[in-house]
């Protein structure tokens, strides 16, 4: 399984910044993604805030970062969060 869905999200996870993403959004996403990657259950993810079920893709979840920006992800009990992506919805 691929942990991050795209290079921009991986770059934010590793460095806190990425081109094309406002700095305050990338910093907030970085601070959300680290505990998300470390979480062992969806209950652990719940400490980051309400978990949103995405209507158009029922196998994906989301966490609000800032305004319309969300960190979305899929979940596996064996692997944890994967296909993590910063999206503007």
PDB file of N, CA and C in Angstrom:
ATOM      1  N   UNK A   1       0.837  -1.182   0.000  1.00  0.00           N
ATOM      2  CA  UNK A   1       0.000   0.000   0.000  1.00  0.00           C
ATOM      3  C   UNK A   1       0.876   1.238   0.000  1.00  0.00           C
ATOM      4  N   UNK A   2       0.388   2.218  -0.666  1.00  0.00           N
ATOM      5  CA  UNK A   2       1.109   3.484  -0.783  1.00  0.00           C
ATOM      6  C   UNK A   2       0.625   4.437   0.312  1.00  0.00           C
ATOM      7  N   UNK A   3       1.531   4.925   1.148  1.00  0.00           N
ATOM      8  CA  UNK A   3       1.143   5.787   2.271  1.00  0.00           C
ATOM      9  C   UNK A   3       0.552   7.110   1.778  1.00  0.00           C
ATOM     10  N   UNK A   4       1.203   7.762   0.807  1.00  0.00           N
ATOM     11  CA  UNK A   4       0.736   9.054   0.316  1.00  0.00           C
ATOM     12  C   UNK A   4       0.248   8.931  -1.117  1.00  0.00           C
ATOM     13  N   UNK A   5      -0.832   9.654  -1.428  1.00  0.00           N
ATOM     14  CA  UNK A   5      -1.466   9.564  -2.732  1.00  0.00           C
ATOM     15  C   UNK A   5      -0.742  10.380  -3.795  1.00  0.00           C
ATOM     16  N   UNK A   6       0.021  11.397  -3.371  1.00  0.00           N
ATOM     17  CA  UNK A   6       0.745  12.219  -4.337  1.00  0.00           C
ATOM     18  C   UNK A   6       2.019  12.783  -3.709  1.00  0.00           C
ATOM     19  N   UNK A   7       2.890  13.296  -4.571  1.00  0.00           N
ATOM     20  CA  UNK A   7       4.177  13.826  -4.102  1.00  0.00           C
ATOM     21  C   UNK A   7       4.024  15.101  -3.275  1.00  0.00           C
ATOM     22  N   UNK A   8       3.037  15.922  -3.598  1.00  0.00           N
ATOM     23  CA  UNK A   8       2.831  17.166  -2.843  1.00  0.00           C
ATOM     24  C   UNK A   8       2.509  16.858  -1.385  1.00  0.00           C
ATOM     25  N   UNK A   9       1.645  15.899  -1.150  1.00  0.00           N
ATOM     26  CA  UNK A   9       1.277  15.532   0.216  1.00  0.00           C
ATOM     27  C   UNK A   9       2.477  14.941   0.949  1.00  0.00           C
ATOM     28  N   UNK A  10       3.240  14.091   0.283  1.00  0.00           N
ATOM     29  CA  UNK A  10       4.439  13.524   0.903  1.00  0.00           C
ATOM     30  C   UNK A  10       5.432  14.622   1.260  1.00  0.00           C
ATOM     31  N   UNK A  11       5.583  15.588   0.377  1.00  0.00           N
ATOM     32  CA  UNK A  11       6.504  16.703   0.624  1.00  0.00           C
ATOM     33  C   UNK A  11       6.063  17.515   1.848  1.00  0.00           C
ATOM     34  N   UNK A  12       4.777  17.765   1.985  1.00  0.00           N
ATOM     35  CA  UNK A  12       4.276  18.486   3.160  1.00  0.00           C
ATOM     36  C   UNK A  12       4.533  17.674   4.417  1.00  0.00           C
ATOM     37  N   UNK A  13       4.309  16.368   4.360  1.00  0.00           N
ATOM     38  CA  UNK A  13       4.562  15.505   5.513  1.00  0.00           C
ATOM     39  C   UNK A  13       6.029  15.576   5.937  1.00  0.00           C
ATOM     40  N   UNK A  14       6.925  15.570   4.968  1.00  0.00           N
ATOM     41  CA  UNK A  14       8.358  15.533   5.264  1.00  0.00           C
ATOM     42  C   UNK A  14       8.953  16.900   5.600  1.00  0.00           C
ATOM     43  N   UNK A  15       8.460  17.970   4.960  1.00  0.00           N
ATOM     44  CA  UNK A  15       9.133  19.270   5.097  1.00  0.00           C
ATOM     45  C   UNK A  15       8.254  20.385   5.655  1.00  0.00           C
ATOM     46  N   UNK A  16       6.951  20.199   5.744  1.00  0.00           N
ATOM     47  CA  UNK A  16       5.967  21.194   6.168  1.00  0.00           C
ATOM     48  C   UNK A  16       5.545  22.150   5.070  1.00  0.00           C
ATOM     49  N   UNK A  17       6.165  22.098   3.902  1.00  0.00           N
ATOM     50  CA  UNK A  17       5.848  23.072   2.859  1.00  0.00           C
ATOM     51  C   UNK A  17       5.784  22.402   1.490  1.00  0.00           C
ATOM     52  N   UNK A  18       5.008  23.028   0.577  1.00  0.00           N
ATOM     53  CA  UNK A  18       4.957  22.579  -0.820  1.00  0.00           C
ATOM     54  C   UNK A  18       4.511  23.752  -1.683  1.00  0.00           C
ATOM     55  N   UNK A  19       5.028  23.798  -2.888  1.00  0.00           N
ATOM     56  CA  UNK A  19       4.631  24.849  -3.819  1.00  0.00           C
ATOM     57  C   UNK A  19       3.140  24.769  -4.114  1.00  0.00           C
ATOM     58  N   UNK A  20       2.515  25.923  -4.187  1.00  0.00           N
ATOM     59  CA  UNK A  20       1.107  25.975  -4.536  1.00  0.00           C
ATOM     60  C   UNK A  20       0.149  25.802  -3.374  1.00  0.00           C
ATOM     61  N   UNK A  21       0.670  25.609  -2.170  1.00  0.00           N
ATOM     62  CA  UNK A  21      -0.180  25.454  -0.994  1.00  0.00           C
ATOM     63  C   UNK A  21       0.149  26.600  -0.041  1.00  0.00           C
ATOM     64  N   UNK A  22      -0.868  27.355   0.406  1.00  0.00           N
ATOM     65  CA  UNK A  22      -0.582  28.433   1.348  1.00  0.00           C
ATOM     66  C   UNK A  22       0.164  27.904   2.583  1.00  0.00           C
ATOM     67  N   UNK A  23       1.093  28.706   3.084  1.00  0.00           N
ATOM     68  CA  UNK A  23       1.942  28.258   4.180  1.00  0.00           C
ATOM     69  C   UNK A  23       1.137  27.833   5.408  1.00  0.00           C
ATOM     70  N   UNK A  24       0.122  28.606   5.786  1.00  0.00           N
ATOM     71  CA  UNK A  24      -0.654  28.244   6.978  1.00  0.00           C
ATOM     72  C   UNK A  24      -1.395  26.913   6.787  1.00  0.00           C
ATOM     73  N   UNK A  25      -1.778  26.603   5.555  1.00  0.00           N
ATOM     74  CA  UNK A  25      -2.456  25.333   5.269  1.00  0.00           C
ATOM     75  C   UNK A  25      -1.456  24.182   5.329  1.00  0.00           C
ATOM     76  N   UNK A  26      -0.286  24.371   4.737  1.00  0.00           N
ATOM     77  CA  UNK A  26       0.697  23.282   4.727  1.00  0.00           C
ATOM     78  C   UNK A  26       1.204  22.974   6.132  1.00  0.00           C
ATOM     79  N   UNK A  27       1.383  23.987   6.970  1.00  0.00           N
ATOM     80  CA  UNK A  27       1.818  23.756   8.349  1.00  0.00           C
ATOM     81  C   UNK A  27       0.731  22.993   9.118  1.00  0.00           C
ATOM     82  N   UNK A  28      -0.522  23.400   8.966  1.00  0.00           N
ATOM     83  CA  UNK A  28      -1.624  22.706   9.646  1.00  0.00           C
ATOM     84  C   UNK A  28      -1.768  21.271   9.141  1.00  0.00           C
ATOM     85  N   UNK A  29      -1.598  21.059   7.832  1.00  0.00           N
ATOM     86  CA  UNK A  29      -1.692  19.704   7.272  1.00  0.00           C
ATOM     87  C   UNK A  29      -0.559  18.836   7.807  1.00  0.00           C
ATOM     88  N   UNK A  30       0.632  19.391   7.876  1.00  0.00           N
ATOM     89  CA  UNK A  30       1.795  18.674   8.423  1.00  0.00           C
ATOM     90  C   UNK A  30       1.504  18.215   9.856  1.00  0.00           C
ATOM     91  N   UNK A  31       0.940  19.111  10.653  1.00  0.00           N
ATOM     92  CA  UNK A  31       0.635  18.793  12.054  1.00  0.00           C
ATOM     93  C   UNK A  31      -0.500  17.778  12.175  1.00  0.00           C
ATOM     94  N   UNK A  32      -1.342  17.665  11.178  1.00  0.00           N
ATOM     95  CA  UNK A  32      -2.416  16.674  11.172  1.00  0.00           C
ATOM     96  C   UNK A  32      -1.907  15.316  10.687  1.00  0.00           C
ATOM     97  N   UNK A  33      -1.035  15.321   9.696  1.00  0.00           N
ATOM     98  CA  UNK A  33      -0.597  14.063   9.086  1.00  0.00           C
ATOM     99  C   UNK A  33       0.296  13.220   9.986  1.00  0.00           C
ATOM    100  N   UNK A  34       1.128  13.824  10.802  1.00  0.00           N
ATOM    101  CA  UNK A  34       2.033  13.028  11.638  1.00  0.00           C
ATOM    102  C   UNK A  34       1.277  12.138  12.628  1.00  0.00           C
ATOM    103  N   UNK A  35       0.321  12.658  13.408  1.00  0.00           N
ATOM    104  CA  UNK A  35      -0.441  11.743  14.273  1.00  0.00           C
ATOM    105  C   UNK A  35      -1.319  10.776  13.475  1.00  0.00           C
ATOM    106  N   UNK A  36      -1.784  11.191  12.290  1.00  0.00           N
ATOM    107  CA  UNK A  36      -2.582  10.299  11.450  1.00  0.00           C
ATOM    108  C   UNK A  36      -1.772   9.076  11.045  1.00  0.00           C
ATOM    109  N   UNK A  37      -0.540   9.274  10.640  1.00  0.00           N
ATOM    110  CA  UNK A  37       0.325   8.158  10.242  1.00  0.00           C
ATOM    111  C   UNK A  37       0.625   7.259  11.432  1.00  0.00           C
ATOM    112  N   UNK A  38       0.733   7.832  12.627  1.00  0.00           N
ATOM    113  CA  UNK A  38       1.061   7.059  13.826  1.00  0.00           C
ATOM    114  C   UNK A  38      -0.149   6.347  14.430  1.00  0.00           C
ATOM    115  N   UNK A  39      -1.359   6.715  14.034  1.00  0.00           N
ATOM    116  CA  UNK A  39      -2.574   6.157  14.632  1.00  0.00           C
ATOM    117  C   UNK A  39      -2.689   4.651  14.387  1.00  0.00           C
ATOM    118  N   UNK A  40      -3.153   3.947  15.413  1.00  0.00           N
ATOM    119  CA  UNK A  40      -3.339   2.495  15.319  1.00  0.00           C
ATOM    120  C   UNK A  40      -4.781   2.103  15.038  1.00  0.00           C
ATOM    121  N   UNK A  41      -5.709   3.038  15.220  1.00  0.00           N
ATOM    122  CA  UNK A  41      -7.121   2.754  14.971  1.00  0.00           C
ATOM    123  C   UNK A  41      -7.819   4.048  14.571  1.00  0.00           C
ATOM    124  N   UNK A  42      -9.005   3.919  13.999  1.00  0.00           N
ATOM    125  CA  UNK A  42      -9.780   5.114  13.665  1.00  0.00           C
ATOM    126  C   UNK A  42     -10.156   5.883  14.925  1.00  0.00           C
ATOM    127  N   UNK A  43     -10.276   5.187  16.036  1.00  0.00           N
ATOM    128  CA  UNK A  43     -10.544   5.862  17.303  1.00  0.00           C
ATOM    129  C   UNK A  43      -9.380   6.794  17.662  1.00  0.00           C
ATOM    130  N   UNK A  44      -8.153   6.367  17.392  1.00  0.00           N
ATOM    131  CA  UNK A  44      -6.988   7.231  17.606  1.00  0.00           C
ATOM    132  C   UNK A  44      -7.059   8.466  16.708  1.00  0.00           C
ATOM    133  N   UNK A  45      -7.492   8.288  15.480  1.00  0.00           N
ATOM    134  CA  UNK A  45      -7.603   9.398  14.531  1.00  0.00           C
ATOM    135  C   UNK A  45      -8.619  10.417  15.042  1.00  0.00           C
ATOM    136  N   UNK A  46      -9.625   9.962  15.748  1.00  0.00           N
ATOM    137  CA  UNK A  46     -10.669  10.837  16.266  1.00  0.00           C
ATOM    138  C   UNK A  46     -10.167  11.923  17.196  1.00  0.00           C
ATOM    139  N   UNK A  47      -8.979  11.757  17.779  1.00  0.00           N
ATOM    140  CA  UNK A  47      -8.449  12.823  18.649  1.00  0.00           C
ATOM    141  C   UNK A  47      -8.051  14.056  17.846  1.00  0.00           C
ATOM    142  N   UNK A  48      -7.882  13.904  16.541  1.00  0.00           N
ATOM    143  CA  UNK A  48      -7.504  15.028  15.686  1.00  0.00           C
ATOM    144  C   UNK A  48      -8.703  15.902  15.324  1.00  0.00           C
ATOM    145  N   UNK A  49      -9.897  15.429  15.587  1.00  0.00           N
ATOM    146  CA  UNK A  49     -11.115  16.151  15.247  1.00  0.00           C
ATOM    147  C   UNK A  49     -12.112  15.202  14.634  1.00  0.00           C
ATOM    148  N   UNK A  50     -13.262  15.734  14.251  1.00  0.00           N
ATOM    149  CA  UNK A  50     -14.283  14.878  13.651  1.00  0.00           C
ATOM    150  C   UNK A  50     -13.776  14.238  12.355  1.00  0.00           C
ATOM    151  N   UNK A  51     -14.044  12.963  12.207  1.00  0.00           N
ATOM    152  CA  UNK A  51     -13.688  12.235  10.988  1.00  0.00           C
ATOM    153  C   UNK A  51     -14.875  12.334  10.038  1.00  0.00           C
ATOM    154  N   UNK A  52     -14.614  12.804   8.840  1.00  0.00           N
ATOM    155  CA  UNK A  52     -15.656  13.011   7.841  1.00  0.00           C
ATOM    156  C   UNK A  52     -15.663  11.829   6.879  1.00  0.00           C
ATOM    157  N   UNK A  53     -16.838  11.269   6.623  1.00  0.00           N
ATOM    158  CA  UNK A  53     -16.981  10.254   5.563  1.00  0.00           C
ATOM    159  C   UNK A  53     -17.266  10.996   4.276  1.00  0.00           C
ATOM    160  N   UNK A  54     -16.492  10.743   3.238  1.00  0.00           N
ATOM    161  CA  UNK A  54     -16.683  11.429   1.970  1.00  0.00           C
ATOM    162  C   UNK A  54     -17.815  10.766   1.191  1.00  0.00           C
ATOM    163  N   UNK A  55     -18.787  11.564   0.800  1.00  0.00           N
ATOM    164  CA  UNK A  55     -19.996  11.028   0.170  1.00  0.00           C
ATOM    165  C   UNK A  55     -19.738  10.374  -1.179  1.00  0.00           C
ATOM    166  N   UNK A  56     -18.881  10.981  -1.998  1.00  0.00           N
ATOM    167  CA  UNK A  56     -18.675  10.438  -3.340  1.00  0.00           C
ATOM    168  C   UNK A  56     -17.727   9.242  -3.361  1.00  0.00           C
ATOM    169  N   UNK A  57     -16.988   9.015  -2.283  1.00  0.00           N
ATOM    170  CA  UNK A  57     -16.091   7.855  -2.178  1.00  0.00           C
ATOM    171  C   UNK A  57     -16.214   7.289  -0.761  1.00  0.00           C
ATOM    172  N   UNK A  58     -17.117   6.353  -0.560  1.00  0.00           N
ATOM    173  CA  UNK A  58     -17.428   5.876   0.790  1.00  0.00           C
ATOM    174  C   UNK A  58     -16.277   5.165   1.506  1.00  0.00           C
ATOM    175  N   UNK A  59     -15.230   4.757   0.787  1.00  0.00           N
ATOM    176  CA  UNK A  59     -14.116   4.081   1.443  1.00  0.00           C
ATOM    177  C   UNK A  59     -13.036   5.064   1.893  1.00  0.00           C
ATOM    178  N   UNK A  60     -13.302   6.387   1.757  1.00  0.00           N
ATOM    179  CA  UNK A  60     -12.325   7.407   2.163  1.00  0.00           C
ATOM    180  C   UNK A  60     -12.890   8.265   3.287  1.00  0.00           C
ATOM    181  N   UNK A  61     -11.973   8.743   4.101  1.00  0.00           N
ATOM    182  CA  UNK A  61     -12.301   9.601   5.229  1.00  0.00           C
ATOM    183  C   UNK A  61     -11.579  10.929   5.059  1.00  0.00           C
ATOM    184  N   UNK A  62     -11.943  11.913   5.873  1.00  0.00           N
ATOM    185  CA  UNK A  62     -11.280  13.203   5.804  1.00  0.00           C
ATOM    186  C   UNK A  62     -11.190  13.862   7.169  1.00  0.00           C
ATOM    187  N   UNK A  63     -10.189  14.727   7.310  1.00  0.00           N
ATOM    188  CA  UNK A  63     -10.012  15.554   8.496  1.00  0.00           C
ATOM    189  C   UNK A  63      -9.882  16.999   8.036  1.00  0.00           C
ATOM    190  N   UNK A  64     -10.625  17.899   8.648  1.00  0.00           N
ATOM    191  CA  UNK A  64     -10.560  19.304   8.298  1.00  0.00           C
ATOM    192  C   UNK A  64      -9.211  19.873   8.710  1.00  0.00           C
ATOM    193  N   UNK A  65      -8.582  20.612   7.794  1.00  0.00           N
ATOM    194  CA  UNK A  65      -7.304  21.261   8.081  1.00  0.00           C
ATOM    195  C   UNK A  65      -7.524  22.755   8.266  1.00  0.00           C
ATOM    196  N   UNK A  66      -8.136  23.387   7.252  1.00  0.00           N
ATOM    197  CA  UNK A  66      -8.358  24.825   7.307  1.00  0.00           C
ATOM    198  C   UNK A  66      -9.336  25.200   6.205  1.00  0.00           C
ATOM    199  N   UNK A  67     -10.462  25.781   6.561  1.00  0.00           N
ATOM    200  CA  UNK A  67     -11.442  26.192   5.555  1.00  0.00           C
ATOM    201  C   UNK A  67     -11.890  25.035   4.698  1.00  0.00           C
ATOM    202  N   UNK A  68     -11.589  25.096   3.402  1.00  0.00           N
ATOM    203  CA  UNK A  68     -11.982  24.033   2.474  1.00  0.00           C
ATOM    204  C   UNK A  68     -10.905  22.978   2.305  1.00  0.00           C
ATOM    205  N   UNK A  69      -9.797  23.090   3.005  1.00  0.00           N
ATOM    206  CA  UNK A  69      -8.686  22.132   2.886  1.00  0.00           C
ATOM    207  C   UNK A  69      -8.889  20.977   3.853  1.00  0.00           C
ATOM    208  N   UNK A  70      -8.743  19.757   3.336  1.00  0.00           N
ATOM    209  CA  UNK A  70      -8.889  18.534   4.130  1.00  0.00           C
ATOM    210  C   UNK A  70      -7.734  17.575   3.839  1.00  0.00           C
ATOM    211  N   UNK A  71      -7.359  16.811   4.827  1.00  0.00           N
ATOM    212  CA  UNK A  71      -6.483  15.666   4.615  1.00  0.00           C
ATOM    213  C   UNK A  71      -7.419  14.475   4.477  1.00  0.00           C
ATOM    214  N   UNK A  72      -7.401  13.831   3.320  1.00  0.00           N
ATOM    215  CA  UNK A  72      -8.256  12.666   3.090  1.00  0.00           C
ATOM    216  C   UNK A  72      -7.390  11.413   3.086  1.00  0.00           C
ATOM    217  N   UNK A  73      -8.008  10.283   3.414  1.00  0.00           N
ATOM    218  CA  UNK A  73      -7.253   9.038   3.516  1.00  0.00           C
ATOM    219  C   UNK A  73      -8.191   7.843   3.476  1.00  0.00           C
ATOM    220  N   UNK A  74      -7.618   6.700   3.175  1.00  0.00           N
ATOM    221  CA  UNK A  74      -8.313   5.417   3.294  1.00  0.00           C
ATOM    222  C   UNK A  74      -7.745   4.743   4.543  1.00  0.00           C
ATOM    223  N   UNK A  75      -8.462   3.771   5.079  1.00  0.00           N
ATOM    224  CA  UNK A  75      -8.025   3.133   6.318  1.00  0.00           C
ATOM    225  C   UNK A  75      -8.035   1.619   6.177  1.00  0.00           C
ATOM    226  N   UNK A  76      -6.985   1.002   6.680  1.00  0.00           N
ATOM    227  CA  UNK A  76      -6.895  -0.446   6.765  1.00  0.00           C
ATOM    228  C   UNK A  76      -6.510  -0.791   8.202  1.00  0.00           C
ATOM    229  N   UNK A  77      -7.184  -1.754   8.803  1.00  0.00           N
ATOM    230  CA  UNK A  77      -6.851  -2.139  10.182  1.00  0.00           C
ATOM    231  C   UNK A  77      -5.438  -2.707  10.285  1.00  0.00           C
ATOM    232  N   UNK A  78      -4.923  -3.274   9.207  1.00  0.00           N
ATOM    233  CA  UNK A  78      -3.576  -3.851   9.217  1.00  0.00           C
ATOM    234  C   UNK A  78      -2.478  -2.806   9.014  1.00  0.00           C
ATOM    235  N   UNK A  79      -2.763  -1.769   8.211  1.00  0.00           N
ATOM    236  CA  UNK A  79      -1.736  -0.807   7.802  1.00  0.00           C
ATOM    237  C   UNK A  79      -1.943   0.578   8.414  1.00  0.00           C
ATOM    238  N   UNK A  80      -3.177   0.918   8.697  1.00  0.00           N
ATOM    239  CA  UNK A  80      -3.494   2.265   9.174  1.00  0.00           C
ATOM    240  C   UNK A  80      -3.900   3.150   8.005  1.00  0.00           C
ATOM    241  N   UNK A  81      -3.590   4.438   8.119  1.00  0.00           N
ATOM    242  CA  UNK A  81      -3.962   5.388   7.064  1.00  0.00           C
ATOM    243  C   UNK A  81      -3.066   5.195   5.851  1.00  0.00           C
ATOM    244  N   UNK A  82      -3.670   5.206   4.680  1.00  0.00           N
ATOM    245  CA  UNK A  82      -2.900   5.133   3.444  1.00  0.00           C
ATOM    246  C   UNK A  82      -3.620   5.960   2.378  1.00  0.00           C
ATOM    247  N   UNK A  83      -2.972   6.163   1.251  1.00  0.00           N
ATOM    248  CA  UNK A  83      -3.483   7.015   0.181  1.00  0.00           C
ATOM    249  C   UNK A  83      -3.857   8.387   0.736  1.00  0.00           C
ATOM    250  N   UNK A  84      -3.011   8.921   1.616  1.00  0.00           N
ATOM    251  CA  UNK A  84      -3.248  10.203   2.264  1.00  0.00           C
ATOM    252  C   UNK A  84      -3.030  11.309   1.233  1.00  0.00           C
ATOM    253  N   UNK A  85      -3.943  12.288   1.231  1.00  0.00           N
ATOM    254  CA  UNK A  85      -3.864  13.372   0.259  1.00  0.00           C
ATOM    255  C   UNK A  85      -4.421  14.659   0.837  1.00  0.00           C
ATOM    256  N   UNK A  86      -3.718  15.769   0.615  1.00  0.00           N
ATOM    257  CA  UNK A  86      -4.246  17.086   0.975  1.00  0.00           C
ATOM    258  C   UNK A  86      -5.091  17.561  -0.197  1.00  0.00           C
ATOM    259  N   UNK A  87      -6.359  17.866   0.089  1.00  0.00           N
ATOM    260  CA  UNK A  87      -7.286  18.268  -0.968  1.00  0.00           C
ATOM    261  C   UNK A  87      -8.050  19.522  -0.574  1.00  0.00           C
ATOM    262  N   UNK A  88      -8.388  20.282  -1.579  1.00  0.00           N
ATOM    263  CA  UNK A  88      -9.294  21.409  -1.369  1.00  0.00           C
ATOM    264  C   UNK A  88     -10.662  20.979  -1.878  1.00  0.00           C
ATOM    265  N   UNK A  89     -11.634  20.900  -0.984  1.00  0.00           N
ATOM    266  CA  UNK A  89     -12.961  20.376  -1.321  1.00  0.00           C
ATOM    267  C   UNK A  89     -13.999  21.441  -1.232  1.00  0.00           C
TER     268      UNK A  89
END
